[in-house]
N, C-alpha and C. Protein backbone atom coordinates (compact mmCIF):
# COMPACT_ATOMS: atom_id res chain seq x y z
N UNK A 1 48.09 118.51 -176.50
CA UNK A 1 49.06 119.60 -176.59
C UNK A 1 49.19 120.01 -178.05
N UNK A 2 49.07 121.30 -178.31
CA UNK A 2 49.25 121.82 -179.65
C UNK A 2 50.73 121.80 -179.99
N UNK A 3 51.02 121.67 -181.29
CA UNK A 3 52.41 121.64 -181.74
C UNK A 3 53.16 122.89 -181.29
N UNK A 4 54.36 122.67 -180.76
CA UNK A 4 55.27 123.74 -180.35
C UNK A 4 54.73 124.61 -179.22
N UNK A 5 53.82 124.08 -178.41
CA UNK A 5 53.26 124.87 -177.33
C UNK A 5 53.60 124.23 -176.00
N UNK A 6 54.19 125.00 -175.11
CA UNK A 6 54.49 124.54 -173.76
C UNK A 6 53.76 125.45 -172.78
N UNK A 7 53.06 124.85 -171.83
CA UNK A 7 52.46 125.69 -170.79
C UNK A 7 53.51 125.93 -169.70
N UNK A 8 53.14 126.70 -168.68
CA UNK A 8 54.09 127.07 -167.63
C UNK A 8 54.66 125.85 -166.92
N UNK A 9 53.82 124.84 -166.66
CA UNK A 9 54.29 123.63 -165.97
C UNK A 9 55.27 122.85 -166.84
N UNK A 10 54.96 122.72 -168.13
CA UNK A 10 55.88 122.03 -169.04
C UNK A 10 57.24 122.72 -169.07
N UNK A 11 57.24 124.04 -169.09
CA UNK A 11 58.51 124.78 -169.11
C UNK A 11 59.31 124.53 -167.83
N UNK A 12 58.63 124.52 -166.68
CA UNK A 12 59.32 124.24 -165.42
C UNK A 12 59.89 122.83 -165.42
N UNK A 13 59.12 121.89 -165.91
CA UNK A 13 59.54 120.49 -165.98
C UNK A 13 60.78 120.33 -166.86
N UNK A 14 60.75 120.94 -168.03
CA UNK A 14 61.89 120.84 -168.94
C UNK A 14 63.12 121.51 -168.33
N UNK A 15 62.94 122.62 -167.62
CA UNK A 15 64.09 123.28 -166.97
C UNK A 15 64.73 122.38 -165.93
N UNK A 16 63.88 121.68 -165.14
CA UNK A 16 64.42 120.75 -164.14
C UNK A 16 65.18 119.63 -164.83
N UNK A 17 64.60 119.05 -165.88
CA UNK A 17 65.25 117.96 -166.61
C UNK A 17 66.54 118.42 -167.28
N UNK A 18 66.58 119.65 -167.72
CA UNK A 18 67.77 120.20 -168.37
C UNK A 18 68.94 120.24 -167.38
N UNK A 19 68.64 120.61 -166.15
CA UNK A 19 69.70 120.69 -165.13
C UNK A 19 70.06 119.34 -164.55
N UNK A 20 69.04 118.49 -164.35
CA UNK A 20 69.25 117.18 -163.71
C UNK A 20 68.38 116.13 -164.38
N UNK A 21 68.82 115.64 -165.52
CA UNK A 21 68.03 114.71 -166.32
C UNK A 21 67.75 113.36 -165.68
N UNK A 22 68.52 112.99 -164.67
CA UNK A 22 68.33 111.69 -164.01
C UNK A 22 67.51 111.78 -162.73
N UNK A 23 66.99 112.93 -162.42
CA UNK A 23 66.23 113.13 -161.19
C UNK A 23 64.96 112.28 -161.24
N UNK A 24 64.69 111.49 -160.20
CA UNK A 24 63.47 110.66 -160.18
C UNK A 24 62.20 111.50 -160.21
N UNK A 25 61.15 110.92 -160.75
CA UNK A 25 59.87 111.62 -160.87
C UNK A 25 59.38 112.16 -159.53
N UNK A 26 59.59 111.41 -158.46
CA UNK A 26 59.15 111.85 -157.14
C UNK A 26 59.83 113.13 -156.71
N UNK A 27 61.14 113.24 -156.96
CA UNK A 27 61.88 114.45 -156.61
C UNK A 27 61.43 115.64 -157.47
N UNK A 28 61.21 115.37 -158.75
CA UNK A 28 60.73 116.44 -159.64
C UNK A 28 59.36 116.91 -159.16
N UNK A 29 58.50 115.97 -158.81
CA UNK A 29 57.15 116.30 -158.34
C UNK A 29 57.21 117.20 -157.10
N UNK A 30 58.11 116.87 -156.16
CA UNK A 30 58.27 117.70 -154.96
C UNK A 30 58.69 119.12 -155.31
N UNK A 31 59.65 119.23 -156.20
CA UNK A 31 60.14 120.56 -156.59
C UNK A 31 59.06 121.40 -157.26
N UNK A 32 58.21 120.74 -158.04
CA UNK A 32 57.20 121.48 -158.80
C UNK A 32 55.84 121.49 -158.12
N UNK A 33 55.77 120.83 -156.96
CA UNK A 33 54.52 120.77 -156.19
C UNK A 33 53.38 120.14 -157.00
N UNK A 34 53.70 119.00 -157.63
CA UNK A 34 52.72 118.22 -158.38
C UNK A 34 52.92 116.75 -158.02
N UNK A 35 52.12 115.86 -158.56
CA UNK A 35 52.25 114.43 -158.25
C UNK A 35 53.22 113.74 -159.21
N UNK A 36 53.85 112.64 -158.77
CA UNK A 36 54.73 111.88 -159.67
C UNK A 36 54.02 111.39 -160.94
N UNK A 37 52.75 110.92 -160.86
CA UNK A 37 52.09 110.53 -162.11
C UNK A 37 51.94 111.70 -163.09
N UNK A 38 51.76 112.91 -162.57
CA UNK A 38 51.67 114.08 -163.45
C UNK A 38 53.01 114.32 -164.13
N UNK A 39 54.10 114.17 -163.39
CA UNK A 39 55.44 114.32 -163.97
C UNK A 39 55.62 113.31 -165.10
N UNK A 40 55.32 112.05 -164.83
CA UNK A 40 55.51 110.99 -165.84
C UNK A 40 54.64 111.22 -167.07
N UNK A 41 53.39 111.61 -166.87
CA UNK A 41 52.50 111.81 -168.02
C UNK A 41 52.91 113.04 -168.83
N UNK A 42 53.36 114.08 -168.16
CA UNK A 42 53.83 115.27 -168.87
C UNK A 42 55.08 114.96 -169.70
N UNK A 43 56.02 114.23 -169.10
CA UNK A 43 57.23 113.85 -169.84
C UNK A 43 56.85 113.00 -171.05
N UNK A 44 56.00 112.03 -170.85
CA UNK A 44 55.56 111.16 -171.95
C UNK A 44 54.92 111.97 -173.07
N UNK A 45 54.08 112.93 -172.71
CA UNK A 45 53.40 113.77 -173.69
C UNK A 45 54.40 114.62 -174.47
N UNK A 46 55.38 115.17 -173.77
CA UNK A 46 56.40 115.99 -174.43
C UNK A 46 57.26 115.15 -175.38
N UNK A 47 57.59 113.93 -174.97
CA UNK A 47 58.39 113.04 -175.81
C UNK A 47 57.58 112.62 -177.03
N UNK A 48 56.33 112.21 -176.81
CA UNK A 48 55.46 111.76 -177.90
C UNK A 48 55.24 112.86 -178.93
N UNK A 49 55.12 114.10 -178.46
CA UNK A 49 54.89 115.22 -179.38
C UNK A 49 56.15 115.62 -180.15
N UNK A 50 57.31 115.11 -179.74
CA UNK A 50 58.56 115.44 -180.41
C UNK A 50 59.22 116.71 -179.90
N UNK A 51 58.67 117.29 -178.85
CA UNK A 51 59.24 118.51 -178.27
C UNK A 51 60.44 118.19 -177.39
N UNK A 52 60.39 117.08 -176.69
CA UNK A 52 61.43 116.69 -175.74
C UNK A 52 62.03 115.35 -176.16
N UNK A 53 63.34 115.27 -176.02
CA UNK A 53 64.05 114.01 -176.25
C UNK A 53 64.95 113.79 -175.06
N UNK A 54 64.83 112.64 -174.45
CA UNK A 54 65.68 112.30 -173.30
C UNK A 54 66.85 111.48 -173.83
N UNK A 55 68.07 111.94 -173.56
CA UNK A 55 69.25 111.28 -174.12
C UNK A 55 70.45 111.47 -173.22
N UNK A 56 71.39 110.55 -173.31
CA UNK A 56 72.67 110.71 -172.64
C UNK A 56 73.59 111.46 -173.57
N UNK A 57 74.11 112.58 -173.11
CA UNK A 57 74.98 113.41 -173.92
C UNK A 57 76.39 113.43 -173.33
N UNK A 58 77.37 113.64 -174.19
CA UNK A 58 78.76 113.69 -173.75
C UNK A 58 79.37 115.05 -174.09
N UNK A 59 80.38 115.43 -173.34
CA UNK A 59 81.15 116.63 -173.64
C UNK A 59 82.27 116.19 -174.60
N UNK A 60 82.17 116.55 -175.88
CA UNK A 60 83.14 116.06 -176.87
C UNK A 60 84.56 116.56 -176.62
N UNK A 61 84.71 117.61 -175.85
CA UNK A 61 86.04 118.15 -175.60
C UNK A 61 86.74 117.43 -174.45
N UNK A 62 86.05 116.47 -173.83
CA UNK A 62 86.65 115.65 -172.79
C UNK A 62 86.89 114.23 -173.26
N UNK A 63 86.68 113.98 -174.55
CA UNK A 63 86.86 112.64 -175.10
C UNK A 63 87.87 112.65 -176.23
N UNK A 64 88.75 111.67 -176.23
CA UNK A 64 89.66 111.49 -177.36
C UNK A 64 88.86 110.85 -178.48
N UNK A 65 89.16 111.23 -179.69
CA UNK A 65 88.54 110.60 -180.84
C UNK A 65 87.22 111.22 -181.28
N UNK A 66 86.81 112.30 -180.66
CA UNK A 66 85.61 113.00 -181.11
C UNK A 66 86.01 114.39 -181.57
N UNK A 67 85.71 114.69 -182.82
CA UNK A 67 85.97 116.01 -183.37
C UNK A 67 84.68 116.54 -183.96
N UNK A 68 84.59 117.84 -184.06
CA UNK A 68 83.40 118.46 -184.63
C UNK A 68 83.81 119.49 -185.66
N UNK A 69 82.92 119.68 -186.62
CA UNK A 69 83.14 120.71 -187.63
C UNK A 69 81.80 121.35 -187.98
N UNK A 70 81.86 122.61 -188.34
CA UNK A 70 80.70 123.29 -188.91
C UNK A 70 80.88 123.29 -190.41
N UNK A 71 79.81 122.99 -191.13
CA UNK A 71 79.85 123.00 -192.58
C UNK A 71 78.77 123.96 -193.06
N UNK A 72 79.15 124.86 -193.94
CA UNK A 72 78.22 125.83 -194.51
C UNK A 72 78.11 125.54 -196.00
N UNK A 73 76.88 125.50 -196.51
CA UNK A 73 76.72 125.22 -197.93
C UNK A 73 75.80 126.24 -198.59
N UNK A 74 76.06 126.45 -199.87
CA UNK A 74 75.19 127.23 -200.73
C UNK A 74 74.58 126.27 -201.74
N UNK A 75 73.31 126.42 -201.98
CA UNK A 75 72.60 125.53 -202.90
C UNK A 75 72.58 126.09 -204.31
N UNK A 76 72.47 125.19 -205.29
CA UNK A 76 72.31 125.62 -206.67
C UNK A 76 70.93 126.24 -206.88
N UNK A 77 69.92 125.68 -206.21
CA UNK A 77 68.55 126.18 -206.35
C UNK A 77 67.92 126.33 -204.97
N UNK A 78 67.49 127.53 -204.64
CA UNK A 78 66.90 127.79 -203.33
C UNK A 78 65.57 127.08 -203.15
N UNK A 79 64.92 126.70 -204.25
CA UNK A 79 63.64 125.99 -204.15
C UNK A 79 63.81 124.63 -203.48
N UNK A 80 65.02 124.13 -203.41
CA UNK A 80 65.28 122.82 -202.81
C UNK A 80 65.72 122.91 -201.36
N UNK A 81 65.57 124.07 -200.73
CA UNK A 81 66.05 124.26 -199.37
C UNK A 81 65.46 123.25 -198.39
N UNK A 82 64.14 123.10 -198.38
CA UNK A 82 63.51 122.15 -197.45
C UNK A 82 63.98 120.73 -197.69
N UNK A 83 64.07 120.34 -198.95
CA UNK A 83 64.52 118.98 -199.30
C UNK A 83 65.96 118.75 -198.84
N UNK A 84 66.83 119.72 -199.09
CA UNK A 84 68.25 119.58 -198.75
C UNK A 84 68.47 119.54 -197.24
N UNK A 85 67.79 120.40 -196.51
CA UNK A 85 67.99 120.40 -195.06
C UNK A 85 67.51 119.07 -194.47
N UNK A 86 66.46 118.52 -195.03
CA UNK A 86 65.96 117.21 -194.57
C UNK A 86 66.99 116.12 -194.89
N UNK A 87 67.52 116.11 -196.10
CA UNK A 87 68.53 115.11 -196.49
C UNK A 87 69.78 115.22 -195.62
N UNK A 88 70.24 116.43 -195.41
CA UNK A 88 71.45 116.65 -194.61
C UNK A 88 71.23 116.21 -193.17
N UNK A 89 70.10 116.57 -192.60
CA UNK A 89 69.85 116.24 -191.20
C UNK A 89 69.74 114.74 -190.97
N UNK A 90 69.48 113.97 -192.01
CA UNK A 90 69.39 112.51 -191.88
C UNK A 90 70.74 111.80 -192.00
N UNK A 91 71.79 112.51 -192.38
CA UNK A 91 73.12 111.89 -192.47
C UNK A 91 73.61 111.57 -191.06
N UNK A 92 74.20 110.39 -190.88
CA UNK A 92 74.57 109.96 -189.52
C UNK A 92 75.56 110.86 -188.81
N UNK A 93 76.41 111.56 -189.53
CA UNK A 93 77.42 112.41 -188.90
C UNK A 93 76.84 113.76 -188.45
N UNK A 94 75.67 114.11 -188.94
CA UNK A 94 75.12 115.45 -188.70
C UNK A 94 74.42 115.50 -187.34
N UNK A 95 74.86 116.44 -186.51
CA UNK A 95 74.30 116.63 -185.17
C UNK A 95 73.09 117.55 -185.22
N UNK A 96 73.18 118.62 -186.00
CA UNK A 96 72.05 119.53 -186.21
C UNK A 96 72.26 120.25 -187.54
N UNK A 97 71.18 120.75 -188.09
CA UNK A 97 71.24 121.50 -189.35
C UNK A 97 70.24 122.64 -189.28
N UNK A 98 70.56 123.76 -189.93
CA UNK A 98 69.68 124.92 -189.90
C UNK A 98 69.75 125.69 -191.21
N UNK A 99 68.59 126.14 -191.67
CA UNK A 99 68.54 127.08 -192.79
C UNK A 99 68.83 128.45 -192.22
N UNK A 100 69.68 129.21 -192.91
CA UNK A 100 70.11 130.50 -192.37
C UNK A 100 70.04 131.59 -193.43
N UNK A 101 70.11 132.83 -192.96
CA UNK A 101 70.20 133.96 -193.87
C UNK A 101 71.67 134.28 -194.07
N UNK A 102 71.98 135.07 -195.06
CA UNK A 102 73.35 135.48 -195.27
C UNK A 102 74.00 134.78 -196.44
N UNK A 103 75.30 134.62 -196.36
CA UNK A 103 76.12 134.08 -197.45
C UNK A 103 75.78 132.63 -197.78
N UNK A 104 75.38 131.85 -196.79
CA UNK A 104 75.10 130.43 -196.99
C UNK A 104 73.61 130.16 -196.86
N UNK A 105 73.20 129.00 -197.35
CA UNK A 105 71.80 128.60 -197.24
C UNK A 105 71.56 127.69 -196.05
N UNK A 106 72.52 126.81 -195.78
CA UNK A 106 72.39 125.83 -194.69
C UNK A 106 73.71 125.75 -193.94
N UNK A 107 73.62 125.71 -192.62
CA UNK A 107 74.78 125.47 -191.76
C UNK A 107 74.46 124.24 -190.94
N UNK A 108 75.44 123.35 -190.78
CA UNK A 108 75.22 122.18 -189.95
C UNK A 108 76.50 121.76 -189.27
N UNK A 109 76.32 120.99 -188.20
CA UNK A 109 77.46 120.52 -187.41
C UNK A 109 77.59 119.01 -187.61
N UNK A 110 78.83 118.59 -187.83
CA UNK A 110 79.10 117.16 -187.97
C UNK A 110 79.99 116.70 -186.81
N UNK A 111 79.73 115.48 -186.36
CA UNK A 111 80.54 114.85 -185.32
C UNK A 111 81.40 113.80 -186.01
N UNK A 112 82.70 113.86 -185.78
CA UNK A 112 83.65 113.02 -186.50
C UNK A 112 84.46 112.16 -185.55
N UNK A 113 84.79 110.95 -185.97
CA UNK A 113 85.58 110.07 -185.12
C UNK A 113 87.04 109.97 -185.57
N UNK A 114 87.33 110.41 -186.79
CA UNK A 114 88.70 110.31 -187.29
C UNK A 114 89.21 111.66 -187.80
N UNK A 115 88.76 112.73 -187.18
CA UNK A 115 89.27 114.06 -187.47
C UNK A 115 89.19 114.48 -188.92
N UNK A 116 90.27 115.04 -189.43
CA UNK A 116 90.31 115.59 -190.79
C UNK A 116 90.03 114.53 -191.83
N UNK A 117 90.45 113.31 -191.58
CA UNK A 117 90.20 112.23 -192.53
C UNK A 117 88.70 112.02 -192.71
N UNK A 118 87.96 112.03 -191.60
CA UNK A 118 86.50 111.89 -191.67
C UNK A 118 85.86 113.10 -192.35
N UNK A 119 86.34 114.29 -192.03
CA UNK A 119 85.79 115.49 -192.63
C UNK A 119 86.02 115.47 -194.14
N UNK A 120 87.21 115.11 -194.54
CA UNK A 120 87.52 115.03 -195.98
C UNK A 120 86.59 114.05 -196.68
N UNK A 121 86.46 112.87 -196.12
CA UNK A 121 85.59 111.85 -196.69
C UNK A 121 84.14 112.34 -196.78
N UNK A 122 83.68 112.99 -195.73
CA UNK A 122 82.32 113.51 -195.70
C UNK A 122 82.12 114.55 -196.81
N UNK A 123 83.09 115.47 -196.95
CA UNK A 123 82.95 116.57 -197.91
C UNK A 123 83.11 116.15 -199.36
N UNK A 124 83.97 115.17 -199.64
CA UNK A 124 84.22 114.81 -201.04
C UNK A 124 83.48 113.56 -201.50
N UNK A 125 82.96 112.78 -200.56
CA UNK A 125 82.23 111.57 -200.95
C UNK A 125 80.75 111.64 -200.60
N UNK A 126 80.45 111.82 -199.33
CA UNK A 126 79.06 111.72 -198.88
C UNK A 126 78.20 112.92 -199.26
N UNK A 127 78.66 114.12 -198.99
CA UNK A 127 77.87 115.32 -199.26
C UNK A 127 77.55 115.48 -200.75
N UNK A 128 78.50 115.27 -201.67
CA UNK A 128 78.17 115.42 -203.10
C UNK A 128 77.10 114.45 -203.60
N UNK A 129 76.92 113.32 -202.93
CA UNK A 129 75.87 112.36 -203.34
C UNK A 129 74.47 112.97 -203.26
N UNK A 130 74.32 113.98 -202.40
CA UNK A 130 73.01 114.62 -202.26
C UNK A 130 72.67 115.48 -203.49
N UNK A 131 73.68 115.96 -204.17
CA UNK A 131 73.46 116.81 -205.34
C UNK A 131 72.91 118.18 -204.96
N UNK A 132 72.93 119.09 -205.92
CA UNK A 132 72.34 120.40 -205.75
C UNK A 132 73.12 121.37 -204.87
N UNK A 133 74.36 121.03 -204.54
CA UNK A 133 75.17 121.90 -203.69
C UNK A 133 76.17 122.65 -204.56
N UNK A 134 76.09 123.97 -204.53
CA UNK A 134 76.98 124.81 -205.35
C UNK A 134 78.36 124.92 -204.72
N UNK A 135 78.41 125.16 -203.40
CA UNK A 135 79.70 125.31 -202.73
C UNK A 135 79.55 125.00 -201.25
N UNK A 136 80.70 124.75 -200.62
CA UNK A 136 80.70 124.50 -199.18
C UNK A 136 81.96 125.10 -198.56
N UNK A 137 81.86 125.36 -197.28
CA UNK A 137 83.01 125.81 -196.51
C UNK A 137 82.91 125.11 -195.17
N UNK A 138 84.04 124.66 -194.65
CA UNK A 138 84.00 123.91 -193.38
C UNK A 138 84.96 124.52 -192.38
N UNK A 139 84.63 124.31 -191.11
CA UNK A 139 85.41 124.85 -190.00
C UNK A 139 85.53 123.78 -188.93
N UNK A 140 86.75 123.31 -188.66
CA UNK A 140 86.96 122.38 -187.54
C UNK A 140 86.82 123.17 -186.25
N UNK A 141 86.12 122.60 -185.29
CA UNK A 141 85.93 123.27 -184.00
C UNK A 141 87.07 122.82 -183.10
N UNK A 142 87.89 123.77 -182.64
CA UNK A 142 89.05 123.43 -181.84
C UNK A 142 88.74 123.33 -180.36
N UNK A 143 87.81 124.16 -179.89
CA UNK A 143 87.48 124.17 -178.48
C UNK A 143 86.09 124.77 -178.33
N UNK A 144 85.36 124.32 -177.33
CA UNK A 144 84.04 124.87 -177.10
C UNK A 144 83.64 124.73 -175.64
N UNK A 145 82.63 125.46 -175.26
CA UNK A 145 82.10 125.43 -173.89
C UNK A 145 80.61 125.18 -173.96
N UNK A 146 80.09 124.56 -172.91
CA UNK A 146 78.66 124.26 -172.80
C UNK A 146 78.16 123.51 -174.02
N UNK A 147 78.93 122.53 -174.47
CA UNK A 147 78.60 121.78 -175.67
C UNK A 147 78.42 120.32 -175.31
N UNK A 148 77.26 119.79 -175.57
CA UNK A 148 76.93 118.39 -175.29
C UNK A 148 76.37 117.76 -176.56
N UNK A 149 76.85 116.57 -176.89
CA UNK A 149 76.40 115.89 -178.11
C UNK A 149 76.15 114.41 -177.83
N UNK A 150 75.46 113.78 -178.76
CA UNK A 150 75.30 112.33 -178.71
C UNK A 150 76.63 111.68 -179.06
N UNK A 151 76.95 110.59 -178.43
CA UNK A 151 78.19 109.87 -178.73
C UNK A 151 78.08 109.23 -180.11
N UNK A 152 79.03 109.51 -181.01
CA UNK A 152 79.00 108.85 -182.32
C UNK A 152 79.08 107.34 -182.16
N UNK A 153 78.29 106.61 -182.91
CA UNK A 153 78.18 105.16 -182.74
C UNK A 153 79.44 104.39 -183.09
N UNK A 154 80.15 104.78 -184.14
CA UNK A 154 81.27 103.98 -184.61
C UNK A 154 82.57 104.22 -183.86
N UNK A 155 82.56 105.10 -182.89
CA UNK A 155 83.79 105.46 -182.19
C UNK A 155 84.22 104.45 -181.14
N UNK A 156 85.51 104.37 -180.97
CA UNK A 156 86.08 103.76 -179.78
C UNK A 156 86.64 104.94 -178.99
N UNK A 157 85.80 105.50 -178.14
CA UNK A 157 86.12 106.73 -177.46
C UNK A 157 86.83 106.44 -176.14
N UNK A 158 87.83 107.26 -175.83
CA UNK A 158 88.56 107.14 -174.57
C UNK A 158 88.49 108.49 -173.87
N UNK A 159 88.15 108.47 -172.59
CA UNK A 159 88.11 109.72 -171.82
C UNK A 159 89.50 110.32 -171.74
N UNK A 160 89.60 111.63 -171.88
CA UNK A 160 90.90 112.32 -171.83
C UNK A 160 91.40 112.40 -170.41
């Protein structure tokens, strides 16, 4: 499989997994009119290539102790964009990061277990360690729909 290339069958397979990630290979095979070994090998190939990741996700708005924020940053030097986005995406609190056009250079989402206290600590202690950041702006997410994230490891989460 070439990088970033999905054929029609791969797309159908990923759509089925997106809706029902726990569906057994046999059921997926029936839906797609292929064999279970084909399902398993296609999934393995997609995972190995880094295109697909199978994970248990939670709805953060149904859990106590999980907060999210968007952080937007401007860099001192645009030549460091690739380096900074890589550094930011490796921070444990960061769910995703993206280089963007407009007022900011990078926007990313952080998952927090202690609300504003965690955001403050992240912004004044952890983020400055990376260096090269001219300014930042953050936004606590109060409510969202169709949002699924990995459960933060350090949390003692309680269902609401």
